[in-house]
Amino acid sequence: MRYPLHTKAGEVRMYFRLEEDGVELRDRQLFWSERGRQRSAYLKDLRSVNLKVNFGGRGRLVGIMVLWFGDGTTLNIFSADVVGRFDRQRSATYREFVQALHDAIPQECRPRIEFVTGGTNNNAARLVGALTLAAAAAAAAAILWTVETVTAEIAIILGLAGIFLIWPLSRLMSANTGENYRPHRIPEDLLP
């Protein structure tokens, strides 16, 4: 089955646009396009499956699956639109794909595959989170500095703003803890 999800081959630290589109699962193989060339890899050659989430705009998270194969091939699969923003349709497709991929991995191969969440290769999410918290703290300090008396309305507004900034950030950070998971029990917080 073909899934219209954006992909990017190799290590991805940052990107401006996701060029490749579509992955296909067929005959215990994964097919994708890389710079206009069709590529494929056998699922039995998987060495690691990494699920993580990242910011996708407006407090929404996007899913990212990173697959490492025995020959050194790395493939990133995104639930995001072409520029990395949350996309409701692609998120639903991504959920289906993640489940289908885990179901398609041969049982005898699962013990030698590492199934992990988040981890050290999600530094961009940590940096964005730290910057967001620093900006929120600076904004709150600036407001409190310029206001002579703190009214209940200001306290409520700052509290709500903190909640709406901190909740997505805490979800992002807790989902990307870098823990192992079982392939038959995919962590729900990593499926946007």
N, C-alpha and C. Protein backbone atom coordinates (compact mmCIF):
# COMPACT_ATOMS: atom_id res chain seq x y z
N MET A 1 0.84 -1.18 0.00
CA MET A 1 0.00 0.00 0.00
C MET A 1 0.89 1.25 0.00
N ARG A 2 0.46 2.26 -0.74
CA ARG A 2 1.21 3.52 -0.83
C ARG A 2 0.63 4.54 0.15
N TYR A 3 1.54 5.24 0.86
CA TYR A 3 1.16 6.26 1.83
C TYR A 3 1.75 7.60 1.39
N PRO A 4 0.90 8.63 1.18
CA PRO A 4 1.41 9.94 0.73
C PRO A 4 2.02 10.75 1.88
N LEU A 5 3.17 10.31 2.35
CA LEU A 5 3.88 10.98 3.44
C LEU A 5 5.20 11.51 2.92
N HIS A 6 5.63 12.63 3.44
CA HIS A 6 6.91 13.21 3.02
C HIS A 6 8.05 12.43 3.67
N THR A 7 9.12 12.28 2.92
CA THR A 7 10.29 11.56 3.40
C THR A 7 11.55 12.40 3.14
N LYS A 8 12.58 12.06 3.84
CA LYS A 8 13.89 12.67 3.60
C LYS A 8 14.93 11.61 3.98
N ALA A 9 15.85 11.36 3.07
CA ALA A 9 16.88 10.35 3.31
C ALA A 9 18.05 10.96 4.05
N GLY A 10 18.77 10.14 4.80
CA GLY A 10 19.96 10.58 5.52
C GLY A 10 19.62 11.26 6.83
N GLU A 11 20.66 11.69 7.53
CA GLU A 11 20.49 12.40 8.80
C GLU A 11 19.85 13.76 8.53
N VAL A 12 18.81 14.08 9.26
CA VAL A 12 18.13 15.36 9.09
C VAL A 12 18.27 16.16 10.37
N ARG A 13 18.97 17.26 10.28
CA ARG A 13 19.09 18.15 11.44
C ARG A 13 18.11 19.30 11.29
N MET A 14 18.00 19.82 10.09
CA MET A 14 17.09 20.93 9.82
C MET A 14 16.75 20.89 8.33
N TYR A 15 15.56 21.34 7.98
CA TYR A 15 15.17 21.38 6.58
C TYR A 15 14.26 22.57 6.35
N PHE A 16 14.22 23.03 5.11
CA PHE A 16 13.33 24.13 4.74
C PHE A 16 12.12 23.62 3.99
N ARG A 17 12.30 22.52 3.30
CA ARG A 17 11.22 21.97 2.50
C ARG A 17 11.45 20.46 2.35
N LEU A 18 10.38 19.71 2.44
CA LEU A 18 10.46 18.26 2.24
C LEU A 18 10.12 17.97 0.79
N GLU A 19 11.08 17.51 0.04
CA GLU A 19 10.90 17.33 -1.40
C GLU A 19 10.23 16.02 -1.79
N GLU A 20 10.61 14.94 -1.15
CA GLU A 20 10.14 13.62 -1.56
C GLU A 20 8.76 13.33 -0.97
N ASP A 21 7.97 12.57 -1.69
CA ASP A 21 6.61 12.32 -1.25
C ASP A 21 6.23 10.86 -1.54
N GLY A 22 5.88 10.15 -0.49
CA GLY A 22 5.33 8.82 -0.66
C GLY A 22 6.25 7.69 -0.24
N VAL A 23 5.67 6.77 0.52
CA VAL A 23 6.33 5.52 0.87
C VAL A 23 5.35 4.41 0.58
N GLU A 24 5.89 3.24 0.30
CA GLU A 24 5.03 2.11 -0.02
C GLU A 24 5.54 0.87 0.69
N LEU A 25 4.61 0.13 1.29
CA LEU A 25 4.92 -1.15 1.92
C LEU A 25 4.37 -2.25 1.02
N ARG A 26 5.27 -3.16 0.60
CA ARG A 26 4.83 -4.25 -0.27
C ARG A 26 5.84 -5.38 -0.18
N ASP A 27 5.37 -6.58 -0.03
CA ASP A 27 6.22 -7.77 -0.03
C ASP A 27 7.36 -7.68 0.99
N ARG A 28 7.03 -7.22 2.19
CA ARG A 28 8.02 -7.08 3.27
C ARG A 28 9.17 -6.16 2.89
N GLN A 29 8.87 -5.20 2.01
CA GLN A 29 9.83 -4.19 1.61
C GLN A 29 9.22 -2.81 1.77
N LEU A 30 10.10 -1.82 1.91
CA LEU A 30 9.69 -0.42 1.97
C LEU A 30 10.26 0.26 0.72
N PHE A 31 9.42 0.98 0.00
CA PHE A 31 9.82 1.69 -1.21
C PHE A 31 9.62 3.18 -1.01
N TRP A 32 10.55 4.00 -1.52
CA TRP A 32 10.45 5.45 -1.45
C TRP A 32 11.25 6.06 -2.58
N SER A 33 11.14 7.35 -2.74
CA SER A 33 11.87 8.06 -3.78
C SER A 33 12.92 8.94 -3.12
N GLU A 34 14.10 8.98 -3.73
CA GLU A 34 15.19 9.81 -3.21
C GLU A 34 15.85 10.52 -4.38
N ARG A 35 15.68 11.83 -4.44
CA ARG A 35 16.21 12.64 -5.54
C ARG A 35 15.77 12.11 -6.90
N GLY A 36 14.50 11.72 -6.97
CA GLY A 36 13.94 11.24 -8.22
C GLY A 36 14.20 9.78 -8.55
N ARG A 37 15.00 9.09 -7.74
CA ARG A 37 15.29 7.67 -7.96
C ARG A 37 14.48 6.82 -7.00
N GLN A 38 13.96 5.72 -7.48
CA GLN A 38 13.24 4.79 -6.62
C GLN A 38 14.24 4.00 -5.79
N ARG A 39 13.97 3.91 -4.49
CA ARG A 39 14.81 3.15 -3.57
C ARG A 39 13.94 2.14 -2.84
N SER A 40 14.56 1.10 -2.31
CA SER A 40 13.82 0.12 -1.52
C SER A 40 14.75 -0.52 -0.51
N ALA A 41 14.16 -1.10 0.51
CA ALA A 41 14.91 -1.83 1.53
C ALA A 41 14.00 -2.90 2.11
N TYR A 42 14.58 -4.03 2.44
CA TYR A 42 13.82 -5.10 3.07
C TYR A 42 13.63 -4.78 4.55
N LEU A 43 12.44 -5.05 5.05
CA LEU A 43 12.17 -4.80 6.47
C LEU A 43 13.01 -5.70 7.37
N LYS A 44 13.44 -6.84 6.88
CA LYS A 44 14.29 -7.73 7.67
C LYS A 44 15.67 -7.11 7.92
N ASP A 45 16.02 -6.09 7.12
CA ASP A 45 17.30 -5.41 7.27
C ASP A 45 17.24 -4.20 8.20
N LEU A 46 16.07 -3.94 8.79
CA LEU A 46 15.94 -2.83 9.75
C LEU A 46 16.83 -3.08 10.95
N ARG A 47 17.50 -2.04 11.41
CA ARG A 47 18.31 -2.12 12.62
C ARG A 47 17.72 -1.29 13.74
N SER A 48 17.00 -0.21 13.37
CA SER A 48 16.42 0.66 14.39
C SER A 48 15.21 1.39 13.83
N VAL A 49 14.20 1.53 14.70
CA VAL A 49 13.01 2.32 14.41
C VAL A 49 12.91 3.35 15.53
N ASN A 50 12.95 4.63 15.16
CA ASN A 50 12.90 5.70 16.15
C ASN A 50 11.65 6.54 15.89
N LEU A 51 10.77 6.61 16.88
CA LEU A 51 9.57 7.45 16.78
C LEU A 51 9.75 8.67 17.66
N LYS A 52 9.42 9.84 17.13
CA LYS A 52 9.50 11.06 17.92
C LYS A 52 8.48 12.06 17.40
N VAL A 53 8.30 13.12 18.15
CA VAL A 53 7.41 14.21 17.73
C VAL A 53 8.18 15.52 17.79
N ASN A 54 7.70 16.49 17.02
CA ASN A 54 8.32 17.80 17.00
C ASN A 54 7.21 18.83 16.83
N PHE A 55 7.54 20.11 17.03
CA PHE A 55 6.55 21.16 16.88
C PHE A 55 6.08 21.25 15.44
N GLY A 56 4.77 21.41 15.26
CA GLY A 56 4.20 21.55 13.92
C GLY A 56 3.37 22.80 13.78
N GLY A 57 3.53 23.75 14.71
CA GLY A 57 2.79 25.02 14.64
C GLY A 57 1.49 24.97 15.41
N ARG A 58 1.12 26.11 15.97
CA ARG A 58 -0.15 26.28 16.72
C ARG A 58 -0.35 25.23 17.80
N GLY A 59 0.70 24.90 18.50
CA GLY A 59 0.59 23.95 19.60
C GLY A 59 0.38 22.52 19.17
N ARG A 60 0.46 22.24 17.89
CA ARG A 60 0.28 20.88 17.37
C ARG A 60 1.64 20.23 17.19
N LEU A 61 1.64 18.91 17.30
CA LEU A 61 2.87 18.15 17.13
C LEU A 61 2.80 17.32 15.86
N VAL A 62 3.94 17.12 15.23
CA VAL A 62 4.04 16.26 14.06
C VAL A 62 4.89 15.04 14.42
N GLY A 63 4.57 13.93 13.80
CA GLY A 63 5.31 12.71 14.04
C GLY A 63 6.45 12.55 13.06
N ILE A 64 7.54 11.98 13.54
CA ILE A 64 8.70 11.69 12.70
C ILE A 64 9.15 10.27 13.03
N MET A 65 9.27 9.47 12.00
CA MET A 65 9.81 8.12 12.16
C MET A 65 11.14 8.08 11.44
N VAL A 66 12.18 7.62 12.14
CA VAL A 66 13.50 7.49 11.53
C VAL A 66 13.82 6.00 11.49
N LEU A 67 14.11 5.51 10.29
CA LEU A 67 14.45 4.10 10.09
C LEU A 67 15.91 3.99 9.70
N TRP A 68 16.63 3.10 10.37
CA TRP A 68 18.02 2.80 10.02
C TRP A 68 18.07 1.35 9.55
N PHE A 69 18.71 1.16 8.40
CA PHE A 69 18.85 -0.17 7.83
C PHE A 69 20.30 -0.64 7.95
N GLY A 70 20.50 -1.94 7.83
CA GLY A 70 21.81 -2.55 8.00
C GLY A 70 22.87 -2.03 7.04
N ASP A 71 22.48 -1.58 5.86
CA ASP A 71 23.46 -1.09 4.88
C ASP A 71 23.83 0.37 5.09
N GLY A 72 23.34 0.97 6.18
CA GLY A 72 23.66 2.37 6.49
C GLY A 72 22.62 3.37 6.01
N THR A 73 21.61 2.91 5.30
CA THR A 73 20.54 3.79 4.81
C THR A 73 19.72 4.31 5.98
N THR A 74 19.44 5.60 5.97
CA THR A 74 18.57 6.23 6.96
C THR A 74 17.42 6.89 6.22
N LEU A 75 16.19 6.66 6.68
CA LEU A 75 15.02 7.27 6.06
C LEU A 75 14.16 7.91 7.14
N ASN A 76 13.81 9.18 6.93
CA ASN A 76 12.92 9.92 7.83
C ASN A 76 11.56 10.04 7.17
N ILE A 77 10.51 9.75 7.92
CA ILE A 77 9.15 9.81 7.40
C ILE A 77 8.36 10.75 8.32
N PHE A 78 7.67 11.71 7.72
CA PHE A 78 7.02 12.79 8.47
C PHE A 78 5.50 12.76 8.33
N SER A 79 4.81 13.18 9.39
CA SER A 79 3.36 13.36 9.32
C SER A 79 3.02 14.80 8.93
N ALA A 80 4.03 15.59 8.63
CA ALA A 80 3.86 17.03 8.39
C ALA A 80 3.59 17.33 6.91
N ASP A 81 3.23 18.60 6.67
CA ASP A 81 3.11 19.06 5.29
C ASP A 81 4.50 19.34 4.74
N VAL A 82 4.59 19.92 3.57
CA VAL A 82 5.86 20.09 2.87
C VAL A 82 6.87 20.98 3.61
N VAL A 83 6.39 21.87 4.48
CA VAL A 83 7.31 22.73 5.24
C VAL A 83 7.37 22.38 6.72
N GLY A 84 6.81 21.25 7.10
CA GLY A 84 6.94 20.78 8.47
C GLY A 84 5.83 21.15 9.42
N ARG A 85 4.73 21.70 8.90
CA ARG A 85 3.60 22.06 9.76
C ARG A 85 2.64 20.88 9.93
N PHE A 86 1.85 20.96 10.99
CA PHE A 86 0.84 19.94 11.26
C PHE A 86 -0.12 19.84 10.07
N ASP A 87 -0.45 18.61 9.70
CA ASP A 87 -1.38 18.34 8.61
C ASP A 87 -2.30 17.22 9.09
N ARG A 88 -3.57 17.54 9.26
CA ARG A 88 -4.52 16.58 9.83
C ARG A 88 -4.61 15.29 8.99
N GLN A 89 -4.71 15.42 7.67
CA GLN A 89 -4.82 14.25 6.81
C GLN A 89 -3.56 13.41 6.85
N ARG A 90 -2.41 14.05 6.76
CA ARG A 90 -1.16 13.29 6.80
C ARG A 90 -0.95 12.66 8.17
N SER A 91 -1.42 13.30 9.23
CA SER A 91 -1.29 12.71 10.56
C SER A 91 -2.06 11.40 10.65
N ALA A 92 -3.26 11.38 10.08
CA ALA A 92 -4.06 10.14 10.07
C ALA A 92 -3.36 9.07 9.24
N THR A 93 -2.83 9.46 8.09
CA THR A 93 -2.11 8.53 7.22
C THR A 93 -0.85 8.02 7.92
N TYR A 94 -0.16 8.91 8.61
CA TYR A 94 1.06 8.55 9.33
C TYR A 94 0.75 7.48 10.39
N ARG A 95 -0.33 7.67 11.13
CA ARG A 95 -0.72 6.68 12.15
C ARG A 95 -0.92 5.31 11.51
N GLU A 96 -1.63 5.29 10.37
CA GLU A 96 -1.87 4.03 9.66
C GLU A 96 -0.55 3.41 9.21
N PHE A 97 0.34 4.25 8.67
CA PHE A 97 1.62 3.75 8.18
C PHE A 97 2.47 3.17 9.31
N VAL A 98 2.55 3.89 10.43
CA VAL A 98 3.36 3.41 11.56
C VAL A 98 2.87 2.04 12.01
N GLN A 99 1.55 1.89 12.12
CA GLN A 99 0.99 0.60 12.54
C GLN A 99 1.27 -0.47 11.48
N ALA A 100 1.06 -0.13 10.22
CA ALA A 100 1.29 -1.11 9.14
C ALA A 100 2.75 -1.54 9.07
N LEU A 101 3.66 -0.60 9.24
CA LEU A 101 5.09 -0.94 9.21
C LEU A 101 5.44 -1.89 10.35
N HIS A 102 4.97 -1.59 11.55
CA HIS A 102 5.26 -2.45 12.70
C HIS A 102 4.66 -3.85 12.49
N ASP A 103 3.46 -3.91 11.89
CA ASP A 103 2.83 -5.20 11.63
C ASP A 103 3.58 -5.99 10.55
N ALA A 104 4.20 -5.28 9.59
CA ALA A 104 4.87 -5.93 8.47
C ALA A 104 6.27 -6.44 8.82
N ILE A 105 6.85 -5.96 9.90
CA ILE A 105 8.18 -6.43 10.28
C ILE A 105 8.09 -7.90 10.67
N PRO A 106 8.89 -8.75 10.04
CA PRO A 106 8.83 -10.18 10.37
C PRO A 106 9.11 -10.43 11.85
N GLN A 107 8.32 -11.31 12.44
CA GLN A 107 8.45 -11.62 13.86
C GLN A 107 9.86 -12.06 14.23
N GLU A 108 10.48 -12.85 13.38
CA GLU A 108 11.81 -13.37 13.71
C GLU A 108 12.88 -12.28 13.69
N CYS A 109 12.59 -11.14 13.07
CA CYS A 109 13.56 -10.03 13.00
C CYS A 109 13.42 -9.05 14.16
N ARG A 110 12.31 -9.04 14.82
CA ARG A 110 12.04 -8.04 15.86
C ARG A 110 13.06 -8.03 17.00
N PRO A 111 13.53 -9.17 17.47
CA PRO A 111 14.48 -9.12 18.60
C PRO A 111 15.78 -8.36 18.31
N ARG A 112 16.20 -8.31 17.06
CA ARG A 112 17.46 -7.62 16.76
C ARG A 112 17.26 -6.16 16.32
N ILE A 113 16.02 -5.69 16.28
CA ILE A 113 15.72 -4.31 15.91
C ILE A 113 15.52 -3.50 17.18
N GLU A 114 16.13 -2.33 17.22
CA GLU A 114 15.96 -1.44 18.37
C GLU A 114 14.76 -0.53 18.09
N PHE A 115 13.78 -0.55 18.97
CA PHE A 115 12.60 0.30 18.88
C PHE A 115 12.72 1.36 19.97
N VAL A 116 12.97 2.62 19.57
CA VAL A 116 13.21 3.68 20.55
C VAL A 116 12.34 4.90 20.27
N THR A 117 12.19 5.73 21.31
CA THR A 117 11.45 6.98 21.19
C THR A 117 12.41 8.14 21.35
N GLY A 118 12.15 9.23 20.63
CA GLY A 118 12.89 10.48 20.80
C GLY A 118 14.37 10.29 20.87
N GLY A 119 14.94 10.78 21.95
CA GLY A 119 16.35 10.56 22.19
C GLY A 119 17.25 11.68 21.75
N THR A 120 18.52 11.36 21.66
CA THR A 120 19.55 12.37 21.46
C THR A 120 19.49 13.04 20.11
N ASN A 121 18.88 12.43 19.11
CA ASN A 121 18.86 13.06 17.80
C ASN A 121 17.65 13.99 17.64
N ASN A 122 17.09 14.48 18.74
CA ASN A 122 15.98 15.42 18.66
C ASN A 122 16.38 16.75 19.31
N ASN A 123 17.60 17.19 19.05
CA ASN A 123 18.11 18.42 19.65
C ASN A 123 17.36 19.66 19.20
N ALA A 124 16.84 19.66 17.98
CA ALA A 124 16.08 20.82 17.49
C ALA A 124 14.85 21.05 18.35
N ALA A 125 14.15 19.98 18.73
CA ALA A 125 12.96 20.11 19.57
C ALA A 125 13.32 20.67 20.94
N ARG A 126 14.43 20.20 21.49
CA ARG A 126 14.86 20.70 22.79
C ARG A 126 15.23 22.17 22.73
N LEU A 127 15.90 22.57 21.67
CA LEU A 127 16.28 23.97 21.51
C LEU A 127 15.05 24.86 21.36
N VAL A 128 14.09 24.43 20.54
CA VAL A 128 12.86 25.21 20.38
C VAL A 128 12.13 25.30 21.71
N GLY A 129 12.09 24.20 22.45
CA GLY A 129 11.42 24.21 23.75
C GLY A 129 12.08 25.17 24.73
N ALA A 130 13.38 25.13 24.80
CA ALA A 130 14.10 26.04 25.71
C ALA A 130 13.90 27.49 25.30
N LEU A 131 13.95 27.77 24.01
CA LEU A 131 13.73 29.15 23.54
C LEU A 131 12.30 29.62 23.81
N THR A 132 11.33 28.72 23.66
CA THR A 132 9.94 29.07 23.93
C THR A 132 9.74 29.41 25.40
N LEU A 133 10.30 28.58 26.27
CA LEU A 133 10.18 28.87 27.70
C LEU A 133 10.89 30.16 28.08
N ALA A 134 12.06 30.40 27.50
CA ALA A 134 12.79 31.64 27.78
C ALA A 134 12.01 32.86 27.30
N ALA A 135 11.40 32.76 26.11
CA ALA A 135 10.60 33.87 25.58
C ALA A 135 9.37 34.12 26.45
N ALA A 136 8.73 33.06 26.91
CA ALA A 136 7.55 33.21 27.78
C ALA A 136 7.93 33.86 29.11
N ALA A 137 9.04 33.42 29.67
CA ALA A 137 9.48 34.01 30.94
C ALA A 137 9.85 35.48 30.76
N ALA A 138 10.52 35.81 29.65
CA ALA A 138 10.89 37.20 29.38
C ALA A 138 9.66 38.08 29.17
N ALA A 139 8.67 37.56 28.45
CA ALA A 139 7.44 38.32 28.22
C ALA A 139 6.69 38.55 29.53
N ALA A 140 6.60 37.53 30.36
CA ALA A 140 5.92 37.67 31.65
C ALA A 140 6.66 38.67 32.54
N ALA A 141 7.99 38.60 32.55
CA ALA A 141 8.78 39.54 33.35
C ALA A 141 8.59 40.97 32.85
N ALA A 142 8.56 41.16 31.53
CA ALA A 142 8.37 42.50 30.96
C ALA A 142 7.00 43.06 31.32
N ILE A 143 5.99 42.23 31.26
CA ILE A 143 4.63 42.69 31.61
C ILE A 143 4.57 43.07 33.08
N LEU A 144 5.12 42.20 33.92
CA LEU A 144 5.08 42.48 35.36
C LEU A 144 5.93 43.70 35.72
N TRP A 145 7.00 43.93 34.99
CA TRP A 145 7.88 45.07 35.25
C TRP A 145 7.18 46.40 34.94
N THR A 146 6.39 46.42 33.87
CA THR A 146 5.76 47.67 33.43
C THR A 146 4.43 47.95 34.12
N VAL A 147 3.83 46.94 34.70
CA VAL A 147 2.53 47.12 35.38
C VAL A 147 2.78 47.47 36.83
N GLU A 148 2.11 48.53 37.30
CA GLU A 148 2.32 48.95 38.69
C GLU A 148 1.66 48.01 39.68
N THR A 149 0.48 47.56 39.38
CA THR A 149 -0.19 46.60 40.27
C THR A 149 -0.65 45.41 39.44
N VAL A 150 -0.45 44.25 39.98
CA VAL A 150 -0.85 43.03 39.30
C VAL A 150 -2.31 42.76 39.65
N THR A 151 -3.15 42.83 38.65
CA THR A 151 -4.58 42.57 38.87
C THR A 151 -4.85 41.09 38.62
N ALA A 152 -6.04 40.69 39.02
CA ALA A 152 -6.43 39.28 38.82
C ALA A 152 -6.47 38.95 37.33
N GLU A 153 -6.90 39.91 36.48
CA GLU A 153 -6.97 39.66 35.04
C GLU A 153 -5.58 39.39 34.45
N ILE A 154 -4.59 40.20 34.89
CA ILE A 154 -3.23 40.00 34.38
C ILE A 154 -2.70 38.65 34.84
N ALA A 155 -2.95 38.29 36.08
CA ALA A 155 -2.49 37.01 36.59
C ALA A 155 -3.14 35.85 35.83
N ILE A 156 -4.44 35.98 35.52
CA ILE A 156 -5.15 34.93 34.77
C ILE A 156 -4.59 34.83 33.35
N ILE A 157 -4.39 35.98 32.70
CA ILE A 157 -3.86 35.99 31.33
C ILE A 157 -2.47 35.35 31.28
N LEU A 158 -1.60 35.74 32.22
CA LEU A 158 -0.26 35.15 32.26
C LEU A 158 -0.32 33.65 32.55
N GLY A 159 -1.22 33.26 33.45
CA GLY A 159 -1.38 31.84 33.77
C GLY A 159 -1.85 31.03 32.58
N LEU A 160 -2.87 31.55 31.86
CA LEU A 160 -3.37 30.84 30.68
C LEU A 160 -2.31 30.78 29.59
N ALA A 161 -1.60 31.90 29.39
CA ALA A 161 -0.53 31.91 28.38
C ALA A 161 0.54 30.87 28.74
N GLY A 162 0.88 30.79 30.02
CA GLY A 162 1.86 29.79 30.45
C GLY A 162 1.38 28.37 30.20
N ILE A 163 0.11 28.12 30.48
CA ILE A 163 -0.45 26.78 30.26
C ILE A 163 -0.41 26.42 28.78
N PHE A 164 -0.82 27.37 27.91
CA PHE A 164 -0.85 27.07 26.49
C PHE A 164 0.54 26.96 25.87
N LEU A 165 1.54 27.53 26.51
CA LEU A 165 2.91 27.37 26.04
C LEU A 165 3.55 26.12 26.64
N ILE A 166 3.30 25.89 27.90
CA ILE A 166 3.98 24.81 28.61
C ILE A 166 3.39 23.44 28.28
N TRP A 167 2.06 23.32 28.08
CA TRP A 167 1.46 22.02 27.82
C TRP A 167 2.02 21.36 26.57
N PRO A 168 2.03 22.05 25.40
CA PRO A 168 2.61 21.38 24.22
C PRO A 168 4.10 21.08 24.40
N LEU A 169 4.79 21.98 25.07
CA LEU A 169 6.21 21.78 25.29
C LEU A 169 6.45 20.57 26.19
N SER A 170 5.67 20.44 27.25
CA SER A 170 5.86 19.30 28.15
C SER A 170 5.49 17.99 27.45
N ARG A 171 4.46 18.03 26.59
CA ARG A 171 4.09 16.83 25.82
C ARG A 171 5.23 16.44 24.89
N LEU A 172 5.81 17.44 24.24
CA LEU A 172 6.92 17.19 23.34
C LEU A 172 8.10 16.58 24.08
N MET A 173 8.45 17.16 25.21
CA MET A 173 9.61 16.69 25.96
C MET A 173 9.36 15.30 26.55
N SER A 174 8.17 15.03 27.07
CA SER A 174 7.91 13.72 27.67
C SER A 174 7.83 12.63 26.62
N ALA A 175 7.33 12.95 25.43
CA ALA A 175 7.25 11.94 24.37
C ALA A 175 8.62 11.57 23.84
N ASN A 176 9.55 12.49 23.87
CA ASN A 176 10.88 12.27 23.30
C ASN A 176 11.91 11.93 24.36
N THR A 177 11.58 11.02 25.25
CA THR A 177 12.46 10.71 26.37
C THR A 177 13.63 9.81 26.00
N GLY A 178 13.55 9.11 24.89
CA GLY A 178 14.65 8.23 24.50
C GLY A 178 14.56 6.85 25.13
N GLU A 179 13.36 6.34 25.27
CA GLU A 179 13.17 5.02 25.88
C GLU A 179 12.88 3.98 24.81
N ASN A 180 13.07 2.73 25.16
CA ASN A 180 12.70 1.63 24.27
C ASN A 180 11.20 1.36 24.39
N TYR A 181 10.61 0.82 23.33
CA TYR A 181 9.21 0.41 23.38
C TYR A 181 9.08 -0.93 22.65
N ARG A 182 7.96 -1.60 22.88
CA ARG A 182 7.70 -2.88 22.23
C ARG A 182 6.95 -2.62 20.92
N PRO A 183 7.30 -3.31 19.85
CA PRO A 183 6.68 -3.03 18.55
C PRO A 183 5.17 -3.29 18.51
N HIS A 184 4.67 -4.13 19.38
CA HIS A 184 3.22 -4.38 19.41
C HIS A 184 2.49 -3.39 20.32
N ARG A 185 3.25 -2.48 20.95
CA ARG A 185 2.67 -1.48 21.85
C ARG A 185 3.27 -0.12 21.53
N ILE A 186 2.84 0.47 20.44
CA ILE A 186 3.39 1.75 19.98
C ILE A 186 2.92 2.85 20.92
N PRO A 187 3.82 3.69 21.44
CA PRO A 187 3.42 4.76 22.36
C PRO A 187 2.46 5.74 21.69
N GLU A 188 1.29 5.89 22.27
CA GLU A 188 0.23 6.74 21.71
C GLU A 188 0.64 8.20 21.62
N ASP A 189 1.45 8.68 22.56
CA ASP A 189 1.84 10.10 22.52
C ASP A 189 2.83 10.42 21.40
N LEU A 190 3.28 9.40 20.67
CA LEU A 190 4.16 9.61 19.53
C LEU A 190 3.42 9.49 18.20
N LEU A 191 2.11 9.38 18.28
CA LEU A 191 1.28 9.32 17.08
C LEU A 191 0.37 10.54 17.05
N PRO A 192 0.75 11.58 16.29
CA PRO A 192 -0.04 12.83 16.29
C PRO A 192 -1.45 12.66 15.72
